[in-house]
Amino acid sequence: MADNKNKEKSDKELGNIDEDEMSTISQIESSKKKGGKKKLLLILIPVLLVLGGGGFAAYHFLFAQTKVKAPSKPASVSQIKPGPMINLKPFLTNLADKDKTSYIKVSISIELKQGSNLGTFKQLTPQIRNRIIMIMSSKTSREINTPQGILSLRHQIARSLNQILGDGTVTGVYFNNYLVQ
């Protein structure tokens, strides 16, 4: 036993480490292990919370069912009845272009509201045709060569015809043929 103590003593002397230093070193090593675990926990907990919250939000937005109210009475094709349609003779008129000669050739159908008096429309056909020709001849080819221009022309014709026939009588203006040159 004395040999063991001498051996330990000689080992300590060779390394120049005494018992106090050995216990200090072992305490430092154990505190490093504990500190590493604490740091790991301090990093992992917020990361896991963020991932869990993100997963919940993704599930909630992607897989949650939205409640959509069904319309009480769906509109069927049989419920929507178009009004009477009047096909006018084709129009051919010059446009207001100053730098070149341009013209428009168009066939128009006019939709009237349900219950409209067709006799009144037929009596006023010359005034209706004149109003449409005046509107079209005031336009340039550039104004009516775009989808927006065509739509604007349709609306302008409908407003103008409603001034003649009574407000709301004309419900639609449709171009069957449309040519600008």
N, C-alpha and C. Protein backbone atom coordinates (compact mmCIF):
# COMPACT_ATOMS: atom_id res chain seq x y z
N MET A 1 0.80 -1.17 0.00
CA MET A 1 0.00 0.00 0.00
C MET A 1 0.85 1.24 0.00
N ALA A 2 1.88 1.15 0.71
CA ALA A 2 2.80 2.26 0.73
C ALA A 2 3.38 2.46 -0.64
N ASP A 3 3.53 1.35 -1.36
CA ASP A 3 4.02 1.44 -2.72
C ASP A 3 3.05 2.19 -3.62
N ASN A 4 1.75 1.91 -3.43
CA ASN A 4 0.72 2.58 -4.24
C ASN A 4 0.73 4.07 -3.99
N LYS A 5 0.86 4.45 -2.71
CA LYS A 5 0.88 5.87 -2.38
C LYS A 5 2.10 6.51 -2.98
N ASN A 6 3.22 5.83 -2.91
CA ASN A 6 4.44 6.37 -3.49
C ASN A 6 4.31 6.48 -5.01
N LYS A 7 3.65 5.45 -5.60
CA LYS A 7 3.49 5.48 -7.04
C LYS A 7 2.60 6.64 -7.45
N GLU A 8 1.46 6.84 -6.71
CA GLU A 8 0.56 7.94 -7.02
C GLU A 8 1.29 9.26 -6.83
N LYS A 9 2.08 9.32 -5.75
CA LYS A 9 2.81 10.52 -5.46
C LYS A 9 3.82 10.79 -6.55
N SER A 10 4.51 9.75 -7.03
CA SER A 10 5.50 9.96 -8.07
C SER A 10 4.81 10.35 -9.38
N ASP A 11 3.59 9.79 -9.65
CA ASP A 11 2.84 10.18 -10.85
C ASP A 11 2.45 11.64 -10.79
N LYS A 12 2.02 12.06 -9.62
CA LYS A 12 1.61 13.45 -9.45
C LYS A 12 2.80 14.38 -9.59
N GLU A 13 3.92 13.94 -9.08
CA GLU A 13 5.11 14.77 -9.15
C GLU A 13 5.60 14.86 -10.58
N LEU A 14 5.50 13.77 -11.35
CA LEU A 14 5.92 13.80 -12.73
C LEU A 14 5.06 14.76 -13.53
N GLY A 15 3.76 14.75 -13.27
CA GLY A 15 2.86 15.64 -13.98
C GLY A 15 2.74 16.97 -13.27
N ASN A 16 3.38 17.11 -12.14
CA ASN A 16 3.30 18.30 -11.32
C ASN A 16 1.85 18.68 -10.99
N ILE A 17 0.99 17.69 -10.73
CA ILE A 17 -0.41 17.94 -10.41
C ILE A 17 -0.66 17.36 -9.04
N ASP A 18 -1.22 18.18 -8.13
CA ASP A 18 -1.58 17.67 -6.81
C ASP A 18 -3.07 17.37 -6.77
N GLU A 19 -3.56 16.90 -5.63
CA GLU A 19 -4.95 16.48 -5.50
C GLU A 19 -5.91 17.64 -5.66
N ASP A 20 -5.57 18.80 -5.15
CA ASP A 20 -6.45 19.97 -5.28
C ASP A 20 -6.63 20.35 -6.75
N GLU A 21 -5.54 20.30 -7.46
CA GLU A 21 -5.62 20.64 -8.87
C GLU A 21 -6.43 19.60 -9.64
N MET A 22 -6.27 18.33 -9.25
CA MET A 22 -7.03 17.26 -9.90
C MET A 22 -8.52 17.44 -9.68
N SER A 23 -8.91 17.78 -8.46
CA SER A 23 -10.33 17.97 -8.18
C SER A 23 -10.87 19.19 -8.92
N THR A 24 -10.06 20.23 -9.05
CA THR A 24 -10.47 21.43 -9.78
C THR A 24 -10.67 21.11 -11.25
N ILE A 25 -9.75 20.33 -11.81
CA ILE A 25 -9.85 19.95 -13.22
C ILE A 25 -11.11 19.12 -13.45
N SER A 26 -11.37 18.16 -12.55
CA SER A 26 -12.56 17.32 -12.72
C SER A 26 -13.84 18.15 -12.57
N GLN A 27 -13.84 19.17 -11.69
CA GLN A 27 -15.01 20.04 -11.55
C GLN A 27 -15.22 20.86 -12.82
N ILE A 28 -14.14 21.36 -13.39
CA ILE A 28 -14.24 22.16 -14.62
C ILE A 28 -14.79 21.30 -15.76
N GLU A 29 -14.27 20.07 -15.87
CA GLU A 29 -14.74 19.18 -16.93
C GLU A 29 -16.22 18.85 -16.76
N SER A 30 -16.65 18.62 -15.53
CA SER A 30 -18.07 18.29 -15.31
C SER A 30 -18.94 19.52 -15.54
N SER A 31 -18.46 20.71 -15.20
CA SER A 31 -19.26 21.92 -15.45
C SER A 31 -19.35 22.21 -16.94
N LYS A 32 -18.30 21.88 -17.69
CA LYS A 32 -18.35 22.06 -19.14
C LYS A 32 -19.41 21.15 -19.75
N LYS A 33 -19.50 19.93 -19.24
CA LYS A 33 -20.50 19.01 -19.75
C LYS A 33 -21.90 19.53 -19.43
N LYS A 34 -22.13 20.05 -18.23
CA LYS A 34 -23.43 20.58 -17.84
C LYS A 34 -23.74 21.83 -18.64
N GLY A 35 -22.77 22.71 -18.84
CA GLY A 35 -22.96 23.95 -19.59
C GLY A 35 -23.29 23.66 -21.04
N GLY A 36 -22.69 22.66 -21.62
CA GLY A 36 -22.97 22.27 -22.99
C GLY A 36 -24.40 21.79 -23.14
N LYS A 37 -24.88 21.06 -22.15
CA LYS A 37 -26.26 20.58 -22.19
C LYS A 37 -27.23 21.75 -22.05
N LYS A 38 -26.90 22.71 -21.19
CA LYS A 38 -27.77 23.88 -21.00
C LYS A 38 -27.85 24.70 -22.28
N LYS A 39 -26.71 24.90 -22.91
CA LYS A 39 -26.70 25.67 -24.16
C LYS A 39 -27.51 24.95 -25.23
N LEU A 40 -27.35 23.65 -25.30
CA LEU A 40 -28.09 22.86 -26.28
C LEU A 40 -29.59 22.98 -26.04
N LEU A 41 -30.01 22.92 -24.78
CA LEU A 41 -31.43 23.06 -24.45
C LEU A 41 -31.93 24.47 -24.77
N LEU A 42 -31.11 25.48 -24.48
CA LEU A 42 -31.52 26.87 -24.75
C LEU A 42 -31.67 27.12 -26.25
N ILE A 43 -30.96 26.39 -27.06
CA ILE A 43 -31.08 26.54 -28.51
C ILE A 43 -32.23 25.69 -29.05
N LEU A 44 -32.34 24.45 -28.58
CA LEU A 44 -33.33 23.53 -29.12
C LEU A 44 -34.77 23.91 -28.77
N ILE A 45 -35.02 24.41 -27.57
CA ILE A 45 -36.40 24.72 -27.16
C ILE A 45 -37.02 25.78 -28.06
N PRO A 46 -36.39 26.95 -28.30
CA PRO A 46 -37.02 27.92 -29.21
C PRO A 46 -37.17 27.40 -30.64
N VAL A 47 -36.18 26.63 -31.10
CA VAL A 47 -36.26 26.09 -32.46
C VAL A 47 -37.46 25.15 -32.58
N LEU A 48 -37.64 24.29 -31.59
CA LEU A 48 -38.78 23.36 -31.61
C LEU A 48 -40.10 24.11 -31.51
N LEU A 49 -40.16 25.17 -30.71
CA LEU A 49 -41.39 25.96 -30.61
C LEU A 49 -41.73 26.63 -31.94
N VAL A 50 -40.74 27.18 -32.60
CA VAL A 50 -40.97 27.83 -33.90
C VAL A 50 -41.43 26.80 -34.93
N LEU A 51 -40.78 25.65 -34.98
CA LEU A 51 -41.17 24.61 -35.92
C LEU A 51 -42.58 24.10 -35.63
N GLY A 52 -42.90 23.93 -34.37
CA GLY A 52 -44.25 23.48 -34.01
C GLY A 52 -45.30 24.50 -34.39
N GLY A 53 -45.03 25.78 -34.13
CA GLY A 53 -45.97 26.83 -34.52
C GLY A 53 -46.14 26.92 -36.02
N GLY A 54 -45.05 26.79 -36.74
CA GLY A 54 -45.12 26.81 -38.20
C GLY A 54 -45.90 25.62 -38.75
N GLY A 55 -45.69 24.47 -38.16
CA GLY A 55 -46.43 23.28 -38.58
C GLY A 55 -47.91 23.42 -38.32
N PHE A 56 -48.26 23.98 -37.16
CA PHE A 56 -49.68 24.20 -36.85
C PHE A 56 -50.30 25.19 -37.81
N ALA A 57 -49.59 26.28 -38.09
CA ALA A 57 -50.12 27.29 -39.02
C ALA A 57 -50.29 26.70 -40.41
N ALA A 58 -49.32 25.93 -40.86
CA ALA A 58 -49.42 25.31 -42.19
C ALA A 58 -50.61 24.36 -42.25
N TYR A 59 -50.79 23.56 -41.21
CA TYR A 59 -51.92 22.64 -41.19
C TYR A 59 -53.23 23.41 -41.19
N HIS A 60 -53.28 24.44 -40.37
CA HIS A 60 -54.52 25.23 -40.25
C HIS A 60 -54.90 25.89 -41.57
N PHE A 61 -53.95 26.45 -42.27
CA PHE A 61 -54.26 27.16 -43.51
C PHE A 61 -54.42 26.22 -44.71
N LEU A 62 -53.67 25.15 -44.75
CA LEU A 62 -53.72 24.27 -45.91
C LEU A 62 -54.81 23.20 -45.83
N PHE A 63 -55.04 22.68 -44.64
CA PHE A 63 -55.95 21.54 -44.53
C PHE A 63 -57.26 21.85 -43.83
N ALA A 64 -57.38 23.01 -43.24
CA ALA A 64 -58.63 23.34 -42.57
C ALA A 64 -59.72 23.55 -43.61
N GLN A 65 -60.89 23.09 -43.33
CA GLN A 65 -62.00 23.24 -44.26
C GLN A 65 -62.65 24.60 -44.03
N THR A 66 -62.88 25.29 -45.13
CA THR A 66 -63.56 26.58 -45.03
C THR A 66 -65.05 26.34 -45.22
N LYS A 67 -65.83 27.08 -44.50
CA LYS A 67 -67.27 26.95 -44.60
C LYS A 67 -67.77 27.93 -45.64
N VAL A 68 -68.34 27.38 -46.70
CA VAL A 68 -68.88 28.19 -47.77
C VAL A 68 -70.38 28.00 -47.77
N LYS A 69 -71.08 29.12 -47.73
CA LYS A 69 -72.53 29.04 -47.75
C LYS A 69 -72.99 28.85 -49.18
N ALA A 70 -73.84 27.89 -49.37
CA ALA A 70 -74.41 27.66 -50.70
C ALA A 70 -75.50 28.70 -50.94
N PRO A 71 -75.60 29.18 -52.16
CA PRO A 71 -76.66 30.15 -52.44
C PRO A 71 -78.02 29.52 -52.19
N SER A 72 -78.92 30.34 -51.67
CA SER A 72 -80.23 29.81 -51.32
C SER A 72 -81.00 29.34 -52.55
N LYS A 73 -80.94 30.11 -53.63
CA LYS A 73 -81.60 29.71 -54.86
C LYS A 73 -80.62 29.88 -56.02
N PRO A 74 -80.05 28.79 -56.48
CA PRO A 74 -79.12 28.92 -57.61
C PRO A 74 -79.87 29.35 -58.87
N ALA A 75 -79.24 30.26 -59.60
CA ALA A 75 -79.85 30.73 -60.84
C ALA A 75 -79.66 29.67 -61.91
N SER A 76 -80.74 29.27 -62.50
CA SER A 76 -80.65 28.30 -63.57
C SER A 76 -80.85 29.01 -64.90
N VAL A 77 -80.49 28.32 -65.94
CA VAL A 77 -80.59 28.91 -67.27
C VAL A 77 -82.05 29.22 -67.60
N SER A 78 -82.95 28.39 -67.11
CA SER A 78 -84.36 28.61 -67.43
C SER A 78 -84.91 29.86 -66.74
N GLN A 79 -84.30 30.28 -65.61
CA GLN A 79 -84.77 31.47 -64.91
C GLN A 79 -84.31 32.75 -65.60
N ILE A 80 -83.17 32.71 -66.27
CA ILE A 80 -82.64 33.89 -66.94
C ILE A 80 -83.16 33.88 -68.38
N LYS A 81 -84.13 34.71 -68.63
CA LYS A 81 -84.73 34.74 -69.96
C LYS A 81 -84.27 36.01 -70.67
N PRO A 82 -83.62 35.83 -71.81
CA PRO A 82 -83.23 37.02 -72.57
C PRO A 82 -84.47 37.68 -73.14
N GLY A 83 -84.35 38.97 -73.30
CA GLY A 83 -85.45 39.72 -73.90
C GLY A 83 -85.47 39.52 -75.40
N PRO A 84 -86.42 40.14 -76.06
CA PRO A 84 -86.49 40.02 -77.52
C PRO A 84 -85.27 40.64 -78.18
N MET A 85 -84.83 40.01 -79.26
CA MET A 85 -83.66 40.49 -80.02
C MET A 85 -84.14 41.06 -81.35
N ILE A 86 -83.56 42.20 -81.70
CA ILE A 86 -83.85 42.84 -82.98
C ILE A 86 -82.55 42.86 -83.76
N ASN A 87 -82.54 42.27 -84.94
CA ASN A 87 -81.37 42.30 -85.82
C ASN A 87 -81.54 43.47 -86.78
N LEU A 88 -80.59 44.39 -86.72
CA LEU A 88 -80.62 45.54 -87.63
C LEU A 88 -79.87 45.20 -88.91
N LYS A 89 -80.21 45.90 -89.98
CA LYS A 89 -79.48 45.72 -91.24
C LYS A 89 -78.03 46.17 -91.02
N PRO A 90 -77.08 45.60 -91.75
CA PRO A 90 -75.67 45.97 -91.56
C PRO A 90 -75.43 47.47 -91.78
N PHE A 91 -74.44 47.98 -91.04
CA PHE A 91 -74.03 49.38 -91.13
C PHE A 91 -72.70 49.45 -91.86
N LEU A 92 -72.54 50.47 -92.70
CA LEU A 92 -71.27 50.76 -93.36
C LEU A 92 -71.11 52.26 -93.34
N THR A 93 -70.11 52.75 -92.60
CA THR A 93 -69.93 54.19 -92.49
C THR A 93 -68.45 54.54 -92.38
N ASN A 94 -68.12 55.76 -92.80
CA ASN A 94 -66.75 56.27 -92.68
C ASN A 94 -66.45 56.58 -91.22
N LEU A 95 -65.17 56.51 -90.90
CA LEU A 95 -64.72 56.87 -89.55
C LEU A 95 -64.11 58.26 -89.57
N ALA A 96 -63.81 58.80 -88.41
CA ALA A 96 -63.35 60.17 -88.27
C ALA A 96 -61.84 60.32 -88.42
N ASP A 97 -61.16 59.36 -89.02
CA ASP A 97 -59.71 59.47 -89.24
C ASP A 97 -59.43 60.60 -90.22
N LYS A 98 -58.46 61.48 -89.89
CA LYS A 98 -58.15 62.62 -90.75
C LYS A 98 -57.02 62.30 -91.73
N ASP A 99 -56.10 61.44 -91.34
CA ASP A 99 -54.93 61.18 -92.18
C ASP A 99 -55.17 60.11 -93.25
N LYS A 100 -56.24 59.33 -93.11
CA LYS A 100 -56.54 58.29 -94.09
C LYS A 100 -58.04 58.05 -94.12
N THR A 101 -58.49 57.40 -95.15
CA THR A 101 -59.90 57.06 -95.26
C THR A 101 -60.11 55.69 -94.64
N SER A 102 -60.93 55.64 -93.60
CA SER A 102 -61.23 54.39 -92.90
C SER A 102 -62.74 54.24 -92.81
N TYR A 103 -63.17 53.01 -92.72
CA TYR A 103 -64.60 52.78 -92.55
C TYR A 103 -64.82 51.60 -91.63
N ILE A 104 -66.06 51.49 -91.15
CA ILE A 104 -66.47 50.39 -90.30
C ILE A 104 -67.69 49.73 -90.94
N LYS A 105 -67.66 48.42 -90.94
CA LYS A 105 -68.81 47.64 -91.40
C LYS A 105 -69.18 46.73 -90.24
N VAL A 106 -70.43 46.82 -89.78
CA VAL A 106 -70.83 46.09 -88.59
C VAL A 106 -72.30 45.66 -88.70
N SER A 107 -72.59 44.48 -88.19
CA SER A 107 -73.97 44.00 -88.04
C SER A 107 -74.27 43.98 -86.55
N ILE A 108 -75.41 44.53 -86.17
CA ILE A 108 -75.73 44.70 -84.75
C ILE A 108 -77.07 44.04 -84.43
N SER A 109 -77.10 43.39 -83.26
CA SER A 109 -78.36 42.89 -82.68
C SER A 109 -78.59 43.65 -81.39
N ILE A 110 -79.83 44.07 -81.18
CA ILE A 110 -80.20 44.83 -79.99
C ILE A 110 -81.11 43.94 -79.13
N GLU A 111 -80.76 43.79 -77.85
CA GLU A 111 -81.61 43.05 -76.92
C GLU A 111 -82.43 44.04 -76.11
N LEU A 112 -83.73 43.79 -76.05
CA LEU A 112 -84.64 44.64 -75.29
C LEU A 112 -85.07 43.91 -74.02
N LYS A 113 -85.51 44.66 -73.02
CA LYS A 113 -85.95 44.01 -71.78
C LYS A 113 -87.28 43.30 -72.03
N GLN A 114 -87.58 42.34 -71.17
CA GLN A 114 -88.82 41.57 -71.29
C GLN A 114 -90.02 42.51 -71.25
N GLY A 115 -90.96 42.27 -72.12
CA GLY A 115 -92.19 43.06 -72.13
C GLY A 115 -92.08 44.37 -72.89
N SER A 116 -90.97 44.59 -73.58
CA SER A 116 -90.81 45.84 -74.34
C SER A 116 -91.74 45.82 -75.55
N ASN A 117 -92.16 46.99 -75.94
CA ASN A 117 -93.06 47.14 -77.09
C ASN A 117 -92.23 47.12 -78.37
N LEU A 118 -92.32 46.03 -79.12
CA LEU A 118 -91.56 45.90 -80.36
C LEU A 118 -92.08 46.85 -81.43
N GLY A 119 -93.34 47.20 -81.36
CA GLY A 119 -93.92 48.13 -82.34
C GLY A 119 -93.25 49.49 -82.24
N THR A 120 -92.98 49.95 -81.02
CA THR A 120 -92.31 51.23 -80.83
C THR A 120 -90.91 51.18 -81.42
N PHE A 121 -90.20 50.08 -81.20
CA PHE A 121 -88.85 49.93 -81.74
C PHE A 121 -88.89 50.01 -83.27
N LYS A 122 -89.83 49.31 -83.88
CA LYS A 122 -89.91 49.30 -85.34
C LYS A 122 -90.27 50.67 -85.89
N GLN A 123 -91.12 51.40 -85.18
CA GLN A 123 -91.47 52.76 -85.62
C GLN A 123 -90.25 53.68 -85.55
N LEU A 124 -89.40 53.48 -84.54
CA LEU A 124 -88.25 54.36 -84.34
C LEU A 124 -86.97 53.85 -85.00
N THR A 125 -87.07 52.83 -85.83
CA THR A 125 -85.88 52.26 -86.48
C THR A 125 -85.07 53.29 -87.25
N PRO A 126 -85.67 54.23 -88.01
CA PRO A 126 -84.83 55.23 -88.70
C PRO A 126 -84.03 56.10 -87.72
N GLN A 127 -84.64 56.52 -86.62
CA GLN A 127 -83.92 57.32 -85.62
C GLN A 127 -82.82 56.48 -84.94
N ILE A 128 -83.11 55.23 -84.68
CA ILE A 128 -82.13 54.33 -84.05
C ILE A 128 -80.93 54.13 -84.97
N ARG A 129 -81.17 53.85 -86.24
CA ARG A 129 -80.08 53.67 -87.20
C ARG A 129 -79.25 54.94 -87.33
N ASN A 130 -79.93 56.09 -87.41
CA ASN A 130 -79.23 57.36 -87.52
C ASN A 130 -78.33 57.59 -86.30
N ARG A 131 -78.83 57.31 -85.11
CA ARG A 131 -78.05 57.52 -83.88
C ARG A 131 -76.82 56.62 -83.88
N ILE A 132 -76.96 55.38 -84.31
CA ILE A 132 -75.82 54.46 -84.35
C ILE A 132 -74.79 54.92 -85.37
N ILE A 133 -75.24 55.36 -86.55
CA ILE A 133 -74.31 55.86 -87.58
C ILE A 133 -73.57 57.09 -87.07
N MET A 134 -74.24 58.00 -86.39
CA MET A 134 -73.60 59.21 -85.87
C MET A 134 -72.53 58.86 -84.83
N ILE A 135 -72.83 57.90 -83.97
CA ILE A 135 -71.85 57.48 -82.95
C ILE A 135 -70.63 56.86 -83.62
N MET A 136 -70.85 55.93 -84.55
CA MET A 136 -69.72 55.24 -85.18
C MET A 136 -68.88 56.18 -86.04
N SER A 137 -69.52 57.12 -86.75
CA SER A 137 -68.76 58.02 -87.63
C SER A 137 -67.97 59.06 -86.84
N SER A 138 -68.24 59.20 -85.55
CA SER A 138 -67.47 60.14 -84.73
C SER A 138 -66.21 59.49 -84.15
N LYS A 139 -66.02 58.21 -84.36
CA LYS A 139 -64.88 57.47 -83.81
C LYS A 139 -63.76 57.34 -84.84
N THR A 140 -62.54 57.24 -84.34
CA THR A 140 -61.40 56.95 -85.22
C THR A 140 -61.14 55.44 -85.20
N SER A 141 -60.43 54.97 -86.20
CA SER A 141 -60.14 53.53 -86.25
C SER A 141 -59.29 53.12 -85.05
N ARG A 142 -58.46 54.02 -84.58
CA ARG A 142 -57.62 53.72 -83.42
C ARG A 142 -58.46 53.52 -82.16
N GLU A 143 -59.54 54.30 -82.01
CA GLU A 143 -60.40 54.21 -80.82
C GLU A 143 -61.17 52.90 -80.76
N ILE A 144 -61.57 52.37 -81.91
CA ILE A 144 -62.46 51.21 -81.90
C ILE A 144 -61.79 49.93 -82.40
N ASN A 145 -60.47 49.93 -82.45
CA ASN A 145 -59.75 48.73 -82.87
C ASN A 145 -59.22 47.91 -81.70
N THR A 146 -59.58 48.26 -80.49
CA THR A 146 -59.14 47.51 -79.31
C THR A 146 -60.36 46.90 -78.63
N PRO A 147 -60.17 45.86 -77.84
CA PRO A 147 -61.31 45.29 -77.11
C PRO A 147 -62.00 46.31 -76.21
N GLN A 148 -61.22 47.18 -75.58
CA GLN A 148 -61.81 48.21 -74.73
C GLN A 148 -62.61 49.20 -75.57
N GLY A 149 -62.10 49.53 -76.74
CA GLY A 149 -62.80 50.45 -77.63
C GLY A 149 -64.12 49.87 -78.12
N ILE A 150 -64.12 48.59 -78.45
CA ILE A 150 -65.35 47.93 -78.90
C ILE A 150 -66.37 47.89 -77.77
N LEU A 151 -65.93 47.57 -76.58
CA LEU A 151 -66.83 47.54 -75.42
C LEU A 151 -67.39 48.93 -75.14
N SER A 152 -66.54 49.94 -75.23
CA SER A 152 -67.00 51.32 -75.03
C SER A 152 -68.04 51.71 -76.08
N LEU A 153 -67.83 51.31 -77.32
CA LEU A 153 -68.79 51.60 -78.39
C LEU A 153 -70.13 50.92 -78.11
N ARG A 154 -70.10 49.69 -77.66
CA ARG A 154 -71.35 48.98 -77.31
C ARG A 154 -72.11 49.72 -76.22
N HIS A 155 -71.40 50.15 -75.18
CA HIS A 155 -72.06 50.85 -74.07
C HIS A 155 -72.61 52.20 -74.52
N GLN A 156 -71.85 52.89 -75.35
CA GLN A 156 -72.30 54.19 -75.84
C GLN A 156 -73.57 54.05 -76.70
N ILE A 157 -73.62 53.04 -77.54
CA ILE A 157 -74.81 52.80 -78.37
C ILE A 157 -76.00 52.47 -77.47
N ALA A 158 -75.81 51.62 -76.46
CA ALA A 158 -76.91 51.25 -75.56
C ALA A 158 -77.45 52.47 -74.82
N ARG A 159 -76.56 53.32 -74.31
CA ARG A 159 -77.02 54.54 -73.60
C ARG A 159 -77.80 55.45 -74.53
N SER A 160 -77.30 55.60 -75.74
CA SER A 160 -77.95 56.49 -76.70
C SER A 160 -79.33 55.96 -77.10
N LEU A 161 -79.44 54.66 -77.32
CA LEU A 161 -80.74 54.09 -77.69
C LEU A 161 -81.73 54.14 -76.52
N ASN A 162 -81.23 54.03 -75.31
CA ASN A 162 -82.13 54.14 -74.15
C ASN A 162 -82.68 55.56 -74.01
N GLN A 163 -81.96 56.56 -74.52
CA GLN A 163 -82.49 57.93 -74.53
C GLN A 163 -83.68 58.03 -75.47
N ILE A 164 -83.64 57.29 -76.56
CA ILE A 164 -84.73 57.32 -77.54
C ILE A 164 -85.91 56.46 -77.07
N LEU A 165 -85.62 55.24 -76.61
CA LEU A 165 -86.67 54.25 -76.32
C LEU A 165 -87.19 54.29 -74.88
N GLY A 166 -86.49 54.93 -74.02
CA GLY A 166 -86.85 54.93 -72.60
C GLY A 166 -85.78 54.20 -71.82
N ASP A 167 -85.47 54.73 -70.67
CA ASP A 167 -84.36 54.21 -69.87
C ASP A 167 -84.55 52.74 -69.51
N GLY A 168 -83.56 51.93 -69.78
CA GLY A 168 -83.57 50.51 -69.43
C GLY A 168 -84.20 49.61 -70.46
N THR A 169 -84.69 50.16 -71.57
CA THR A 169 -85.32 49.33 -72.60
C THR A 169 -84.28 48.46 -73.29
N VAL A 170 -83.14 49.04 -73.63
CA VAL A 170 -82.07 48.28 -74.29
C VAL A 170 -81.20 47.65 -73.20
N THR A 171 -81.15 46.32 -73.19
CA THR A 171 -80.33 45.63 -72.18
C THR A 171 -79.03 45.09 -72.75
N GLY A 172 -78.91 45.08 -74.08
CA GLY A 172 -77.66 44.59 -74.67
C GLY A 172 -77.51 45.02 -76.11
N VAL A 173 -76.25 45.28 -76.48
CA VAL A 173 -75.90 45.58 -77.87
C VAL A 173 -74.83 44.57 -78.25
N TYR A 174 -75.07 43.83 -79.32
CA TYR A 174 -74.17 42.76 -79.72
C TYR A 174 -73.73 42.95 -81.17
N PHE A 175 -72.42 42.83 -81.40
CA PHE A 175 -71.88 42.92 -82.75
C PHE A 175 -71.80 41.51 -83.33
N ASN A 176 -72.51 41.28 -84.42
CA ASN A 176 -72.48 39.97 -85.08
C ASN A 176 -71.31 39.89 -86.05
N ASN A 177 -71.04 40.98 -86.76
CA ASN A 177 -69.89 41.12 -87.65
C ASN A 177 -69.28 42.48 -87.34
N TYR A 178 -67.95 42.54 -87.41
CA TYR A 178 -67.28 43.79 -87.04
C TYR A 178 -66.01 43.89 -87.88
N LEU A 179 -65.94 44.90 -88.73
CA LEU A 179 -64.79 45.08 -89.61
C LEU A 179 -64.42 46.55 -89.66
N VAL A 180 -63.16 46.84 -89.36
CA VAL A 180 -62.64 48.21 -89.46
C VAL A 180 -61.51 48.16 -90.47
N GLN A 181 -61.59 49.08 -91.48
CA GLN A 181 -60.53 49.15 -92.49
C GLN A 181 -60.16 50.57 -92.78
